[in-house]
C-alpha atoms as a PDB file:
ATOM      1  CA  MET A   1     -14.791   0.664   7.382  1.00  0.00           C
ATOM      2  CA  PHE A   2     -17.728  -2.344   8.150  1.00  0.00           C
ATOM      3  CA  LYS A   3     -15.940  -4.305  10.778  1.00  0.00           C
ATOM      4  CA  ALA A   4     -16.270  -0.878  12.798  1.00  0.00           C
ATOM      5  CA  ILE A   5     -19.850  -0.653  12.667  1.00  0.00           C
ATOM      6  CA  SER A   6     -20.326  -4.242  12.756  1.00  0.00           C
ATOM      7  CA  HIS A   7     -19.742  -4.196  16.657  1.00  0.00           C
ATOM      8  CA  GLY A   8     -21.587  -3.224  19.530  1.00  0.00           C
ATOM      9  CA  LEU A   9     -25.560  -2.616  19.682  1.00  0.00           C
ATOM     10  CA  PHE A  10     -25.766   1.032  18.024  1.00  0.00           C
ATOM     11  CA  GLY A  11     -24.055  -1.995  14.845  1.00  0.00           C
ATOM     12  CA  LEU A  12     -26.298  -4.662  14.797  1.00  0.00           C
ATOM     13  CA  ALA A  13     -28.804  -2.723  14.849  1.00  0.00           C
ATOM     14  CA  LEU A  14     -26.613  -1.118  11.340  1.00  0.00           C
ATOM     15  CA  LEU A  15     -26.978  -4.993   9.644  1.00  0.00           C
ATOM     16  CA  THR A  16     -30.546  -4.875   9.520  1.00  0.00           C
ATOM     17  CA  THR A  17     -30.486  -2.330   7.167  1.00  0.00           C
ATOM     18  CA  PRO A  18     -30.018  -2.873   3.931  1.00  0.00           C
ATOM     19  CA  PHE A  19     -27.954  -0.454   2.561  1.00  0.00           C
ATOM     20  CA  THR A  20     -25.623  -2.003   5.372  1.00  0.00           C
ATOM     21  CA  VAL A  21     -26.156  -5.690   3.315  1.00  0.00           C
ATOM     22  CA  LEU A  22     -25.504  -3.277   0.222  1.00  0.00           C
ATOM     23  CA  TYR A  23     -22.460  -2.336   1.443  1.00  0.00           C
ATOM     24  CA  ALA A  24     -21.371  -5.673   3.110  1.00  0.00           C
ATOM     25  CA  VAL A  25     -21.622  -7.535  -0.397  1.00  0.00           C
ATOM     26  CA  SER A  26     -20.428  -4.505  -2.751  1.00  0.00           C
ATOM     27  CA  PRO A  27     -18.349  -2.197  -1.443  1.00  0.00           C
ATOM     28  CA  GLN A  28     -17.237   1.687  -2.709  1.00  0.00           C
ATOM     29  CA  THR A  29     -13.074   0.715  -1.192  1.00  0.00           C
ATOM     30  CA  PRO A  30     -11.176  -1.418  -2.951  1.00  0.00           C
ATOM     31  CA  PRO A  31     -10.268  -3.872   0.049  1.00  0.00           C
ATOM     32  CA  LEU A  32      -6.828  -4.384   1.294  1.00  0.00           C
ATOM     33  CA  PRO A  33      -6.244  -7.836   1.256  1.00  0.00           C
ATOM     34  CA  GLY A  34      -2.195  -8.850   1.704  1.00  0.00           C
ATOM     35  CA  GLU A  35       0.744  -8.943  -0.079  1.00  0.00           C
ATOM     36  CA  GLY A  36       0.754  -5.635  -2.443  1.00  0.00           C
ATOM     37  CA  VAL A  37      -2.560  -4.555  -0.451  1.00  0.00           C
ATOM     38  CA  GLY A  38      -4.432  -2.599  -2.531  1.00  0.00           C
ATOM     39  CA  VAL A  39      -2.594  -3.210  -5.865  1.00  0.00           C
ATOM     40  CA  ASP A  40      -2.257  -6.331  -8.076  1.00  0.00           C
ATOM     41  CA  ILE A  41       1.584  -6.845  -8.486  1.00  0.00           C
ATOM     42  CA  THR A  42       1.237  -9.674 -10.723  1.00  0.00           C
ATOM     43  CA  GLN A  43       1.563  -7.037 -13.470  1.00  0.00           C
ATOM     44  CA  PRO A  44       4.182  -4.811 -14.221  1.00  0.00           C
ATOM     45  CA  ALA A  45       5.112  -2.178 -11.634  1.00  0.00           C
ATOM     46  CA  GLU A  46       3.643   1.335 -12.997  1.00  0.00           C
ATOM     47  CA  LYS A  47       7.396   2.595 -11.953  1.00  0.00           C
ATOM     48  CA  VAL A  48      10.642   1.208 -11.358  1.00  0.00           C
ATOM     49  CA  LEU A  49      14.121   3.310 -10.214  1.00  0.00           C
ATOM     50  CA  ARG A  50      17.376   1.672 -10.364  1.00  0.00           C
ATOM     51  CA  ALA A  51      20.821   2.271  -9.094  1.00  0.00           C
ATOM     52  CA  GLY A  52      23.998   0.032  -8.301  1.00  0.00           C
ATOM     53  CA  GLY A  53      22.420  -3.011  -8.149  1.00  0.00           C
ATOM     54  CA  TRP A  54      19.234  -2.496  -6.166  1.00  0.00           C
ATOM     55  CA  GLU A  55      15.421  -1.398  -7.961  1.00  0.00           C
ATOM     56  CA  LEU A  56      12.547  -0.043  -5.697  1.00  0.00           C
ATOM     57  CA  HIS A  57       9.388  -1.374  -8.157  1.00  0.00           C
ATOM     58  CA  ILE A  58       5.935   0.751  -7.365  1.00  0.00           C
ATOM     59  CA  TRP A  59       2.641   0.099  -7.525  1.00  0.00           C
ATOM     60  CA  TYR A  60      -0.056   2.838  -7.203  1.00  0.00           C
ATOM     61  CA  ARG A  61      -3.395   2.849  -4.840  1.00  0.00           C
ATOM     62  CA  ALA A  62      -6.009   5.055  -5.982  1.00  0.00           C
ATOM     63  CA  LYS A  63      -3.503   6.834  -8.706  1.00  0.00           C
ATOM     64  CA  GLY A  64      -4.054  10.210  -9.498  1.00  0.00           C
ATOM     65  CA  SER A  65      -6.119  10.552  -6.350  1.00  0.00           C
ATOM     66  CA  ARG A  66      -6.154  12.875  -3.090  1.00  0.00           C
ATOM     67  CA  SER A  67      -6.261   9.279  -1.469  1.00  0.00           C
ATOM     68  CA  GLU A  68      -2.949   8.174  -3.626  1.00  0.00           C
ATOM     69  CA  GLY A  69      -0.999   5.862  -2.227  1.00  0.00           C
ATOM     70  CA  GLN A  70       2.118   3.626  -3.054  1.00  0.00           C
ATOM     71  CA  HIS A  71       3.514  -0.320  -2.231  1.00  0.00           C
ATOM     72  CA  GLY A  72       6.972  -0.541  -3.398  1.00  0.00           C
ATOM     73  CA  VAL A  73       8.763  -3.835  -3.259  1.00  0.00           C
ATOM     74  CA  LEU A  74      12.505  -4.022  -3.076  1.00  0.00           C
ATOM     75  CA  TYR A  75      14.841  -5.984  -5.237  1.00  0.00           C
ATOM     76  CA  GLN A  76      19.174  -6.326  -4.904  1.00  0.00           C
ATOM     77  CA  HIS A  77      20.239  -8.120  -7.696  1.00  0.00           C
ATOM     78  CA  GLY A  78      16.672  -9.284  -8.871  1.00  0.00           C
ATOM     79  CA  GLN A  79      16.474 -10.932  -5.373  1.00  0.00           C
ATOM     80  CA  ILE A  80      13.451  -9.626  -3.561  1.00  0.00           C
ATOM     81  CA  VAL A  81      14.429  -8.292   0.055  1.00  0.00           C
ATOM     82  CA  LYS A  82      12.280  -9.539   2.428  1.00  0.00           C
ATOM     83  CA  ALA A  83      11.500  -7.438   5.846  1.00  0.00           C
ATOM     84  CA  SER A  84      11.870  -8.811   9.260  1.00  0.00           C
ATOM     85  CA  SER A  85       9.624  -6.315  10.761  1.00  0.00           C
ATOM     86  CA  VAL A  86       7.707  -3.029  10.085  1.00  0.00           C
ATOM     87  CA  GLY A  87      10.206  -0.130  10.754  1.00  0.00           C
ATOM     88  CA  GLU A  88      13.210  -2.158   8.900  1.00  0.00           C
ATOM     89  CA  GLU A  89      15.819   0.304   7.328  1.00  0.00           C
ATOM     90  CA  VAL A  90      18.139  -0.983   4.959  1.00  0.00           C
ATOM     91  CA  GLU A  91      21.225   1.429   2.886  1.00  0.00           C
ATOM     92  CA  THR A  92      21.303   0.920  -0.861  1.00  0.00           C
ATOM     93  CA  ALA A  93      22.406   2.839  -3.402  1.00  0.00           C
ATOM     94  CA  LEU A  94      18.945   4.208  -4.055  1.00  0.00           C
ATOM     95  CA  GLY A  95      18.992   5.469  -0.643  1.00  0.00           C
ATOM     96  CA  LYS A  96      17.577   4.930   2.954  1.00  0.00           C
ATOM     97  CA  MET A  97      14.478   2.026   2.523  1.00  0.00           C
ATOM     98  CA  ARG A  98      12.291   1.309   5.133  1.00  0.00           C
ATOM     99  CA  TYR A  99      10.240  -1.591   5.101  1.00  0.00           C
ATOM    100  CA  TYR A 100       6.430   0.529   6.017  1.00  0.00           C
ATOM    101  CA  GLY A 101       3.890  -2.930   5.836  1.00  0.00           C
ATOM    102  CA  ASN A 102       1.954  -4.451   4.381  1.00  0.00           C
ATOM    103  CA  GLU A 103      -1.177  -3.187   5.560  1.00  0.00           C
ATOM    104  CA  PRO A 104      -1.293   0.450   5.502  1.00  0.00           C
ATOM    105  CA  ARG A 105      -3.925   2.640   8.349  1.00  0.00           C
ATOM    106  CA  VAL A 106      -5.248   4.469   5.248  1.00  0.00           C
ATOM    107  CA  LEU A 107      -4.769   4.092   0.840  1.00  0.00           C
ATOM    108  CA  TRP A 108      -2.499   6.896   0.763  1.00  0.00           C
ATOM    109  CA  GLU A 109       0.057   5.772   3.445  1.00  0.00           C
ATOM    110  CA  PRO A 110       2.879   4.146   1.702  1.00  0.00           C
ATOM    111  CA  SER A 111       2.972  -0.004   1.818  1.00  0.00           C
ATOM    112  CA  GLY A 112       5.685  -2.340   1.368  1.00  0.00           C
ATOM    113  CA  TRP A 113       9.385  -0.751   0.765  1.00  0.00           C
ATOM    114  CA  HIS A 114      10.012   3.245   0.391  1.00  0.00           C
ATOM    115  CA  PHE A 115      11.882   5.891   1.453  1.00  0.00           C
ATOM    116  CA  ALA A 116      12.745   6.195   4.435  1.00  0.00           C
ATOM    117  CA  ASP A 117      12.576  10.058   4.340  1.00  0.00           C
ATOM    118  CA  LYS A 118       8.647  10.338   3.174  1.00  0.00           C
ATOM    119  CA  SER A 119       9.190  13.681   1.533  1.00  0.00           C
ATOM    120  CA  LEU A 120      10.805  11.493  -0.694  1.00  0.00           C
ATOM    121  CA  ILE A 121       7.829   9.187  -1.705  1.00  0.00           C
ATOM    122  CA  LYS A 122       6.787  11.643  -4.752  1.00  0.00           C
ATOM    123  CA  PRO A 123       2.582  11.462  -6.652  1.00  0.00           C
ATOM    124  CA  SER A 124       1.959   9.838  -9.509  1.00  0.00           C
ATOM    125  CA  SER A 125       2.248  13.143 -11.112  1.00  0.00           C
ATOM    126  CA  THR A 126       5.664  14.306 -10.887  1.00  0.00           C
ATOM    127  CA  SER A 127       6.909  10.699 -12.531  1.00  0.00           C
ATOM    128  CA  PRO A 128       7.290  10.005 -15.560  1.00  0.00           C
END
């Protein structure tokens, strides 16, 4: 959001206000940087789905809110599956998986690996 309002003459005027400067230093929403966007993938996954040597590890962004999103890391026989491009699909024992990229356009979009059929991506409230 800060980048969007800092362009153009209108954005330059906003940069001089104390509110905007405070916003730039202390944003209200979580940052979305790089691998594991908005989640800490160094911590154990909050949900793991397993079938036939495949595992999908899932972390949640804004868990329990209307903006909840998920980041998935796919493993085959204990090895991380790396995608060559956004939109790549792989048939697994879990079902067809799609790579959504590391940076969702909005928090509630999936990132990383997840089901190609988005209707199979369930909110955390339906998880055990």
